[in-house]
Amino acid sequence: MSSPVCYGIIPARYQSHRFPGKPLVDILGKPMFYRVYERAISCSKLQQVWLATDDQRIFDAATKLNVPVVMTSVDHHSGSDRIKEAAEQLKLDDEAVIVNIQGDEPALDPSMLTELVAPFDDASTQVTTLARVIDAQEAENPDRVKVVRSNRGHALYFSRSKVPYIRDEEHSQTDYYLHIGIYAYRFSVLKAFTLLPPSPLEDIEKLEQLRLLEAGINIHVVMTNYTGFGVDRPEDVEQIIKQLQQQ
């Protein structure tokens, strides 16, 4: 099978409980959304990349910087809902692959996007995400979401808990996999996903991806050596600027 057409969409909402206006924060002379966009368009696997926002200030800033942008509803509860609306407005094909690119990772490595879309050469792939190995100490942190996967690479479960649980000392060197929250979907699957109600496990763990697993939709977990760093709070900006300057 030939490779499907892949597109990137960057959700960028203005309101954030921890960091209002985050997409517009200055990162080395440009808004953060622009730094993410310039990284994303460096990935040769993406035919085009758009910004999807709910705010006129972000829309106007994107237009001024010649970043393709789509205005979406202010009522979306997740980035998945926002990119689905944007893809519908853009009339993308059901078999196209839509990459949900986190708008708060201005140091994104484009190679991560290449790894993310590679499994779609297999027609059975529905959704992909990334993970990397971490040590046992880092796995203790409930803000670091862990994933366990099958021999075929499909996610078995995502959790804030330290999984798998080590019962016997002989398995103390077991690897833990940190979930990197970037996803790619066939558009038909993305549309089906956003129509599903929140699931019980999703509600317990507060992890949206569990809705897919509970609905029987496979998530292919691609192992990567790359690391990401998201800007969650204002104090993260200085760290990301230092990282970009070092690069």
C-alpha atoms as a PDB file:
ATOM      1  CA  MET A   1       0.000   0.000   0.000  1.00  0.00           C
ATOM      2  CA  SER A   2       1.243   3.506  -0.797  1.00  0.00           C
ATOM      3  CA  SER A   3       1.718   5.993   2.002  1.00  0.00           C
ATOM      4  CA  PRO A   4      -1.384   8.057   2.859  1.00  0.00           C
ATOM      5  CA  VAL A   5      -1.448  11.836   2.636  1.00  0.00           C
ATOM      6  CA  CYS A   6      -0.524  13.331   6.017  1.00  0.00           C
ATOM      7  CA  TYR A   7      -1.450  16.745   7.376  1.00  0.00           C
ATOM      8  CA  GLY A   8      -0.538  18.542  10.588  1.00  0.00           C
ATOM      9  CA  ILE A   9      -2.926  20.647  12.659  1.00  0.00           C
ATOM     10  CA  ILE A  10      -1.765  22.658  15.680  1.00  0.00           C
ATOM     11  CA  PRO A  11      -4.584  23.408  18.164  1.00  0.00           C
ATOM     12  CA  ALA A  12      -4.025  26.802  19.812  1.00  0.00           C
ATOM     13  CA  ARG A  13      -6.615  28.081  22.257  1.00  0.00           C
ATOM     14  CA  TYR A  14      -6.155  31.315  24.148  1.00  0.00           C
ATOM     15  CA  GLN A  15      -7.612  30.312  27.510  1.00  0.00           C
ATOM     16  CA  SER A  16      -5.494  28.096  29.746  1.00  0.00           C
ATOM     17  CA  HIS A  17      -5.937  27.627  33.484  1.00  0.00           C
ATOM     18  CA  ARG A  18      -2.189  27.661  34.109  1.00  0.00           C
ATOM     19  CA  PHE A  19      -1.039  29.996  31.332  1.00  0.00           C
ATOM     20  CA  PRO A  20      -3.636  32.215  29.570  1.00  0.00           C
ATOM     21  CA  GLY A  21      -2.496  33.453  26.161  1.00  0.00           C
ATOM     22  CA  LYS A  22       0.217  30.817  25.951  1.00  0.00           C
ATOM     23  CA  PRO A  23       0.250  30.487  22.126  1.00  0.00           C
ATOM     24  CA  LEU A  24       1.200  34.170  21.847  1.00  0.00           C
ATOM     25  CA  VAL A  25       4.076  34.175  24.341  1.00  0.00           C
ATOM     26  CA  ASP A  26       7.299  35.496  22.814  1.00  0.00           C
ATOM     27  CA  ILE A  27       9.916  32.843  22.028  1.00  0.00           C
ATOM     28  CA  LEU A  28      13.036  34.468  20.583  1.00  0.00           C
ATOM     29  CA  GLY A  29      11.091  37.183  18.800  1.00  0.00           C
ATOM     30  CA  LYS A  30       8.155  35.125  17.499  1.00  0.00           C
ATOM     31  CA  PRO A  31       4.941  33.796  19.101  1.00  0.00           C
ATOM     32  CA  MET A  32       5.191  30.264  20.435  1.00  0.00           C
ATOM     33  CA  PHE A  33       2.685  28.925  17.879  1.00  0.00           C
ATOM     34  CA  TYR A  34       5.018  30.123  15.103  1.00  0.00           C
ATOM     35  CA  ARG A  35       7.982  28.256  16.588  1.00  0.00           C
ATOM     36  CA  VAL A  36       5.897  25.074  16.628  1.00  0.00           C
ATOM     37  CA  TYR A  37       4.714  25.706  13.063  1.00  0.00           C
ATOM     38  CA  GLU A  38       8.212  26.239  11.667  1.00  0.00           C
ATOM     39  CA  ARG A  39       9.323  22.958  13.254  1.00  0.00           C
ATOM     40  CA  ALA A  40       6.303  21.082  11.911  1.00  0.00           C
ATOM     41  CA  ILE A  41       6.683  22.249   8.307  1.00  0.00           C
ATOM     42  CA  SER A  42      10.247  20.931   8.385  1.00  0.00           C
ATOM     43  CA  CYS A  43       8.800  17.407   8.396  1.00  0.00           C
ATOM     44  CA  SER A  44       8.766  16.216   4.782  1.00  0.00           C
ATOM     45  CA  LYS A  45       5.990  13.699   5.527  1.00  0.00           C
ATOM     46  CA  LEU A  46       3.420  16.446   6.139  1.00  0.00           C
ATOM     47  CA  GLN A  47       1.840  17.842   3.008  1.00  0.00           C
ATOM     48  CA  GLN A  48       0.570  20.933   4.824  1.00  0.00           C
ATOM     49  CA  VAL A  49       0.255  22.285   8.362  1.00  0.00           C
ATOM     50  CA  TRP A  50      -2.452  24.565   9.776  1.00  0.00           C
ATOM     51  CA  LEU A  51      -3.094  26.344  13.049  1.00  0.00           C
ATOM     52  CA  ALA A  52      -6.568  25.817  14.569  1.00  0.00           C
ATOM     53  CA  THR A  53      -7.606  28.481  17.068  1.00  0.00           C
ATOM     54  CA  ASP A  54     -10.648  29.887  18.844  1.00  0.00           C
ATOM     55  CA  ASP A  55      -9.296  33.395  19.381  1.00  0.00           C
ATOM     56  CA  GLN A  56      -9.170  36.398  17.065  1.00  0.00           C
ATOM     57  CA  ARG A  57      -5.850  37.601  18.533  1.00  0.00           C
ATOM     58  CA  ILE A  58      -4.154  34.316  17.644  1.00  0.00           C
ATOM     59  CA  PHE A  59      -5.885  34.244  14.240  1.00  0.00           C
ATOM     60  CA  ASP A  60      -4.658  37.766  13.419  1.00  0.00           C
ATOM     61  CA  ALA A  61      -1.106  37.026  14.579  1.00  0.00           C
ATOM     62  CA  ALA A  62      -1.004  33.883  12.436  1.00  0.00           C
ATOM     63  CA  THR A  63      -2.307  35.737   9.393  1.00  0.00           C
ATOM     64  CA  LYS A  64       0.339  38.434   9.851  1.00  0.00           C
ATOM     65  CA  LEU A  65       3.052  35.743   9.894  1.00  0.00           C
ATOM     66  CA  ASN A  66       1.591  33.907   6.873  1.00  0.00           C
ATOM     67  CA  VAL A  67       0.725  30.836   8.949  1.00  0.00           C
ATOM     68  CA  PRO A  68      -2.326  29.004   7.510  1.00  0.00           C
ATOM     69  CA  VAL A  69      -5.023  29.238  10.181  1.00  0.00           C
ATOM     70  CA  VAL A  70      -8.587  28.011  10.749  1.00  0.00           C
ATOM     71  CA  MET A  71     -11.011  29.643  13.201  1.00  0.00           C
ATOM     72  CA  THR A  72     -12.821  27.044  15.319  1.00  0.00           C
ATOM     73  CA  SER A  73     -15.445  27.014  18.063  1.00  0.00           C
ATOM     74  CA  VAL A  74     -14.686  28.227  21.593  1.00  0.00           C
ATOM     75  CA  ASP A  75     -16.708  25.305  22.999  1.00  0.00           C
ATOM     76  CA  HIS A  76     -14.262  22.462  22.366  1.00  0.00           C
ATOM     77  CA  HIS A  77     -13.101  20.543  25.426  1.00  0.00           C
ATOM     78  CA  SER A  78      -9.980  19.047  23.827  1.00  0.00           C
ATOM     79  CA  GLY A  79      -7.448  19.514  21.085  1.00  0.00           C
ATOM     80  CA  SER A  80      -8.863  16.423  19.351  1.00  0.00           C
ATOM     81  CA  ASP A  81     -12.251  18.111  18.958  1.00  0.00           C
ATOM     82  CA  ARG A  82     -10.604  21.266  17.655  1.00  0.00           C
ATOM     83  CA  ILE A  83      -8.488  19.554  15.001  1.00  0.00           C
ATOM     84  CA  LYS A  84     -11.512  17.511  13.901  1.00  0.00           C
ATOM     85  CA  GLU A  85     -13.514  20.680  13.265  1.00  0.00           C
ATOM     86  CA  ALA A  86     -10.580  22.243  11.423  1.00  0.00           C
ATOM     87  CA  ALA A  87     -10.138  19.149   9.226  1.00  0.00           C
ATOM     88  CA  GLU A  88     -13.855  19.227   8.403  1.00  0.00           C
ATOM     89  CA  GLN A  89     -13.652  22.886   7.436  1.00  0.00           C
ATOM     90  CA  LEU A  90     -10.674  22.041   5.223  1.00  0.00           C
ATOM     91  CA  LYS A  91     -12.640  19.140   3.680  1.00  0.00           C
ATOM     92  CA  LEU A  92      -9.798  16.674   4.155  1.00  0.00           C
ATOM     93  CA  ASP A  93     -10.271  13.124   2.914  1.00  0.00           C
ATOM     94  CA  ASP A  94     -11.462  10.443   5.356  1.00  0.00           C
ATOM     95  CA  GLU A  95      -8.358   8.335   4.687  1.00  0.00           C
ATOM     96  CA  ALA A  96      -5.957  11.231   5.228  1.00  0.00           C
ATOM     97  CA  VAL A  97      -3.778  11.066   8.333  1.00  0.00           C
ATOM     98  CA  ILE A  98      -4.247  13.994  10.704  1.00  0.00           C
ATOM     99  CA  VAL A  99      -1.402  14.753  13.110  1.00  0.00           C
ATOM    100  CA  ASN A 100      -2.377  16.549  16.309  1.00  0.00           C
ATOM    101  CA  ILE A 101       0.727  18.650  16.968  1.00  0.00           C
ATOM    102  CA  GLN A 102       0.981  20.047  20.483  1.00  0.00           C
ATOM    103  CA  GLY A 103       1.016  23.846  20.306  1.00  0.00           C
ATOM    104  CA  ASP A 104       3.171  24.226  23.406  1.00  0.00           C
ATOM    105  CA  GLU A 105       6.313  22.388  22.217  1.00  0.00           C
ATOM    106  CA  PRO A 106       8.399  24.995  20.363  1.00  0.00           C
ATOM    107  CA  ALA A 107      11.462  22.716  20.490  1.00  0.00           C
ATOM    108  CA  LEU A 108       9.632  19.884  18.712  1.00  0.00           C
ATOM    109  CA  ASP A 109      11.976  17.678  16.683  1.00  0.00           C
ATOM    110  CA  PRO A 110      10.451  17.128  13.192  1.00  0.00           C
ATOM    111  CA  SER A 111      11.866  13.586  13.191  1.00  0.00           C
ATOM    112  CA  MET A 112       9.292  12.708  15.839  1.00  0.00           C
ATOM    113  CA  LEU A 113       6.544  13.469  13.323  1.00  0.00           C
ATOM    114  CA  THR A 114       8.225  11.243  10.749  1.00  0.00           C
ATOM    115  CA  GLU A 115       8.306   8.386  13.247  1.00  0.00           C
ATOM    116  CA  LEU A 116       4.692   9.027  14.217  1.00  0.00           C
ATOM    117  CA  VAL A 117       3.228   8.682  10.711  1.00  0.00           C
ATOM    118  CA  ALA A 118       5.423   5.786   9.504  1.00  0.00           C
ATOM    119  CA  PRO A 119       3.055   2.996  10.714  1.00  0.00           C
ATOM    120  CA  PHE A 120       0.254   4.307   8.467  1.00  0.00           C
ATOM    121  CA  ASP A 121       1.895   2.550   5.519  1.00  0.00           C
ATOM    122  CA  ASP A 122       0.003  -0.415   7.009  1.00  0.00           C
ATOM    123  CA  ALA A 123      -3.681  -0.035   6.119  1.00  0.00           C
ATOM    124  CA  SER A 124      -4.745  -1.491   9.474  1.00  0.00           C
ATOM    125  CA  THR A 125      -3.167   1.333  11.502  1.00  0.00           C
ATOM    126  CA  GLN A 126      -5.816   3.622  12.968  1.00  0.00           C
ATOM    127  CA  VAL A 127      -4.071   5.803  15.555  1.00  0.00           C
ATOM    128  CA  THR A 128      -0.423   6.287  16.532  1.00  0.00           C
ATOM    129  CA  THR A 129       1.402   7.945  19.400  1.00  0.00           C
ATOM    130  CA  LEU A 130       4.953   8.028  20.798  1.00  0.00           C
ATOM    131  CA  ALA A 131       6.725   6.728  23.904  1.00  0.00           C
ATOM    132  CA  ARG A 132      10.266   6.516  25.230  1.00  0.00           C
ATOM    133  CA  VAL A 133      12.039   4.616  27.977  1.00  0.00           C
ATOM    134  CA  ILE A 134      12.331   6.253  31.401  1.00  0.00           C
ATOM    135  CA  ASP A 135      13.779   5.070  34.695  1.00  0.00           C
ATOM    136  CA  ALA A 136      11.845   3.805  37.701  1.00  0.00           C
ATOM    137  CA  GLN A 137      12.208   7.053  39.620  1.00  0.00           C
ATOM    138  CA  GLU A 138      10.722   9.179  36.839  1.00  0.00           C
ATOM    139  CA  ALA A 139       7.902   6.642  36.479  1.00  0.00           C
ATOM    140  CA  GLU A 140       6.801   7.452  40.046  1.00  0.00           C
ATOM    141  CA  ASN A 141       5.597  10.914  38.971  1.00  0.00           C
ATOM    142  CA  PRO A 142       1.814  10.898  38.294  1.00  0.00           C
ATOM    143  CA  ASP A 143       2.247  13.819  35.881  1.00  0.00           C
ATOM    144  CA  ARG A 144       4.363  11.508  33.697  1.00  0.00           C
ATOM    145  CA  VAL A 145       1.874   9.258  31.927  1.00  0.00           C
ATOM    146  CA  LYS A 146       3.075   5.691  31.415  1.00  0.00           C
ATOM    147  CA  VAL A 147       2.021   3.204  28.742  1.00  0.00           C
ATOM    148  CA  VAL A 148       2.338  -0.558  28.425  1.00  0.00           C
ATOM    149  CA  ARG A 149       2.077  -2.161  25.004  1.00  0.00           C
ATOM    150  CA  SER A 150       1.675  -5.500  23.296  1.00  0.00           C
ATOM    151  CA  ASN A 151       4.259  -7.410  21.256  1.00  0.00           C
ATOM    152  CA  ARG A 152       2.690  -5.853  18.147  1.00  0.00           C
ATOM    153  CA  GLY A 153       3.197  -2.358  19.532  1.00  0.00           C
ATOM    154  CA  HIS A 154      -0.434  -1.696  20.446  1.00  0.00           C
ATOM    155  CA  ALA A 155      -1.186   0.168  23.668  1.00  0.00           C
ATOM    156  CA  LEU A 156      -2.606  -2.062  26.384  1.00  0.00           C
ATOM    157  CA  TYR A 157      -3.103   0.700  28.936  1.00  0.00           C
ATOM    158  CA  PHE A 158      -2.089   4.247  29.836  1.00  0.00           C
ATOM    159  CA  SER A 159      -1.812   5.280  33.460  1.00  0.00           C
ATOM    160  CA  ARG A 160      -0.589   7.929  35.835  1.00  0.00           C
ATOM    161  CA  SER A 161       0.407   5.058  38.097  1.00  0.00           C
ATOM    162  CA  LYS A 162       3.731   3.273  37.836  1.00  0.00           C
ATOM    163  CA  VAL A 163       2.934   0.434  35.441  1.00  0.00           C
ATOM    164  CA  PRO A 164       3.757  -2.371  35.182  1.00  0.00           C
ATOM    165  CA  TYR A 165       3.745  -3.118  38.906  1.00  0.00           C
ATOM    166  CA  ILE A 166       6.836  -5.155  39.841  1.00  0.00           C
ATOM    167  CA  ARG A 167       5.784  -8.009  42.103  1.00  0.00           C
ATOM    168  CA  ASP A 168       9.058  -9.971  42.172  1.00  0.00           C
ATOM    169  CA  GLU A 169      12.569  -8.603  42.613  1.00  0.00           C
ATOM    170  CA  GLU A 170      13.826 -10.587  39.617  1.00  0.00           C
ATOM    171  CA  HIS A 171      11.983  -8.142  37.344  1.00  0.00           C
ATOM    172  CA  SER A 172      13.382  -5.009  38.973  1.00  0.00           C
ATOM    173  CA  GLN A 173      15.160  -3.938  35.770  1.00  0.00           C
ATOM    174  CA  THR A 174      11.902  -3.692  33.820  1.00  0.00           C
ATOM    175  CA  ASP A 175      11.671  -0.716  31.456  1.00  0.00           C
ATOM    176  CA  TYR A 176       8.989   1.920  31.908  1.00  0.00           C
ATOM    177  CA  TYR A 177       7.580   3.738  28.905  1.00  0.00           C
ATOM    178  CA  LEU A 178       6.738   7.429  29.112  1.00  0.00           C
ATOM    179  CA  HIS A 179       3.858   8.434  26.874  1.00  0.00           C
ATOM    180  CA  ILE A 180       4.636  11.438  24.667  1.00  0.00           C
ATOM    181  CA  GLY A 181       1.290  13.091  24.025  1.00  0.00           C
ATOM    182  CA  ILE A 182       1.335  13.581  20.281  1.00  0.00           C
ATOM    183  CA  TYR A 183      -1.101  11.645  18.091  1.00  0.00           C
ATOM    184  CA  ALA A 184      -1.872  10.869  14.475  1.00  0.00           C
ATOM    185  CA  TYR A 185      -5.277   9.568  13.335  1.00  0.00           C
ATOM    186  CA  ARG A 186      -6.907   8.485  10.136  1.00  0.00           C
ATOM    187  CA  PHE A 187      -9.512  11.215   9.750  1.00  0.00           C
ATOM    188  CA  SER A 188     -12.402   8.725   9.743  1.00  0.00           C
ATOM    189  CA  VAL A 189     -11.206   7.389  13.113  1.00  0.00           C
ATOM    190  CA  LEU A 190     -10.739  10.889  14.531  1.00  0.00           C
ATOM    191  CA  LYS A 191     -14.334  11.722  13.647  1.00  0.00           C
ATOM    192  CA  ALA A 192     -15.594   8.532  15.284  1.00  0.00           C
ATOM    193  CA  PHE A 193     -13.475   9.189  18.381  1.00  0.00           C
ATOM    194  CA  THR A 194     -14.835  12.690  18.956  1.00  0.00           C
ATOM    195  CA  LEU A 195     -18.414  11.364  18.841  1.00  0.00           C
ATOM    196  CA  LEU A 196     -17.782   8.902  21.684  1.00  0.00           C
ATOM    197  CA  PRO A 197     -18.816   9.963  25.193  1.00  0.00           C
ATOM    198  CA  PRO A 198     -16.117  10.146  27.887  1.00  0.00           C
ATOM    199  CA  SER A 199     -15.370   6.645  29.152  1.00  0.00           C
ATOM    200  CA  PRO A 200     -15.143   5.358  32.757  1.00  0.00           C
ATOM    201  CA  LEU A 201     -11.366   4.820  32.756  1.00  0.00           C
ATOM    202  CA  GLU A 202     -10.824   8.154  31.041  1.00  0.00           C
ATOM    203  CA  ASP A 203     -12.815   9.826  33.812  1.00  0.00           C
ATOM    204  CA  ILE A 204     -10.829   8.052  36.548  1.00  0.00           C
ATOM    205  CA  GLU A 205      -7.325   8.696  35.162  1.00  0.00           C
ATOM    206  CA  LYS A 206      -8.188  11.939  33.337  1.00  0.00           C
ATOM    207  CA  LEU A 207      -6.531  10.547  30.203  1.00  0.00           C
ATOM    208  CA  GLU A 208      -8.473  11.083  26.974  1.00  0.00           C
ATOM    209  CA  GLN A 209      -6.677   8.315  25.079  1.00  0.00           C
ATOM    210  CA  LEU A 210      -8.279   5.668  27.310  1.00  0.00           C
ATOM    211  CA  ARG A 211     -11.571   6.436  25.553  1.00  0.00           C
ATOM    212  CA  LEU A 212     -10.090   4.938  22.383  1.00  0.00           C
ATOM    213  CA  LEU A 213      -8.932   1.772  24.128  1.00  0.00           C
ATOM    214  CA  GLU A 214     -12.260   1.271  25.881  1.00  0.00           C
ATOM    215  CA  ALA A 215     -13.982   1.596  22.500  1.00  0.00           C
ATOM    216  CA  GLY A 216     -11.725  -1.110  21.046  1.00  0.00           C
ATOM    217  CA  ILE A 217      -9.719   1.267  18.829  1.00  0.00           C
ATOM    218  CA  ASN A 218      -6.045   0.261  18.679  1.00  0.00           C
ATOM    219  CA  ILE A 219      -3.329   2.830  19.339  1.00  0.00           C
ATOM    220  CA  HIS A 220       0.040   1.931  17.826  1.00  0.00           C
ATOM    221  CA  VAL A 221       2.791   3.095  20.194  1.00  0.00           C
ATOM    222  CA  VAL A 222       5.983   4.058  18.365  1.00  0.00           C
ATOM    223  CA  MET A 223       9.139   3.976  20.491  1.00  0.00           C
ATOM    224  CA  THR A 224      11.371   7.017  20.080  1.00  0.00           C
ATOM    225  CA  ASN A 225      14.682   8.267  21.435  1.00  0.00           C
ATOM    226  CA  TYR A 226      13.623  11.876  21.066  1.00  0.00           C
ATOM    227  CA  THR A 227      12.425  13.901  24.031  1.00  0.00           C
ATOM    228  CA  GLY A 228       9.894  16.688  24.116  1.00  0.00           C
ATOM    229  CA  PHE A 229       9.474  19.599  26.475  1.00  0.00           C
ATOM    230  CA  GLY A 230       6.122  21.340  26.758  1.00  0.00           C
ATOM    231  CA  VAL A 231       5.512  24.842  28.082  1.00  0.00           C
ATOM    232  CA  ASP A 232       2.885  24.333  30.791  1.00  0.00           C
ATOM    233  CA  ARG A 233       3.571  27.340  33.009  1.00  0.00           C
ATOM    234  CA  PRO A 234       5.154  30.805  32.567  1.00  0.00           C
ATOM    235  CA  GLU A 235       8.292  29.629  34.383  1.00  0.00           C
ATOM    236  CA  ASP A 236       8.872  27.032  31.621  1.00  0.00           C
ATOM    237  CA  VAL A 237       9.491  29.738  29.001  1.00  0.00           C
ATOM    238  CA  GLU A 238      12.999  30.572  30.173  1.00  0.00           C
ATOM    239  CA  GLN A 239      13.985  26.903  30.054  1.00  0.00           C
ATOM    240  CA  ILE A 240      12.676  26.393  26.524  1.00  0.00           C
ATOM    241  CA  ILE A 241      14.476  29.540  25.303  1.00  0.00           C
ATOM    242  CA  LYS A 242      17.761  28.204  26.702  1.00  0.00           C
ATOM    243  CA  GLN A 243      17.115  24.884  24.977  1.00  0.00           C
ATOM    244  CA  LEU A 244      16.490  26.561  21.625  1.00  0.00           C
ATOM    245  CA  GLN A 245      19.567  28.750  21.966  1.00  0.00           C
ATOM    246  CA  GLN A 246      21.711  25.663  22.614  1.00  0.00           C
ATOM    247  CA  GLN A 247      20.341  24.034  19.468  1.00  0.00           C
END
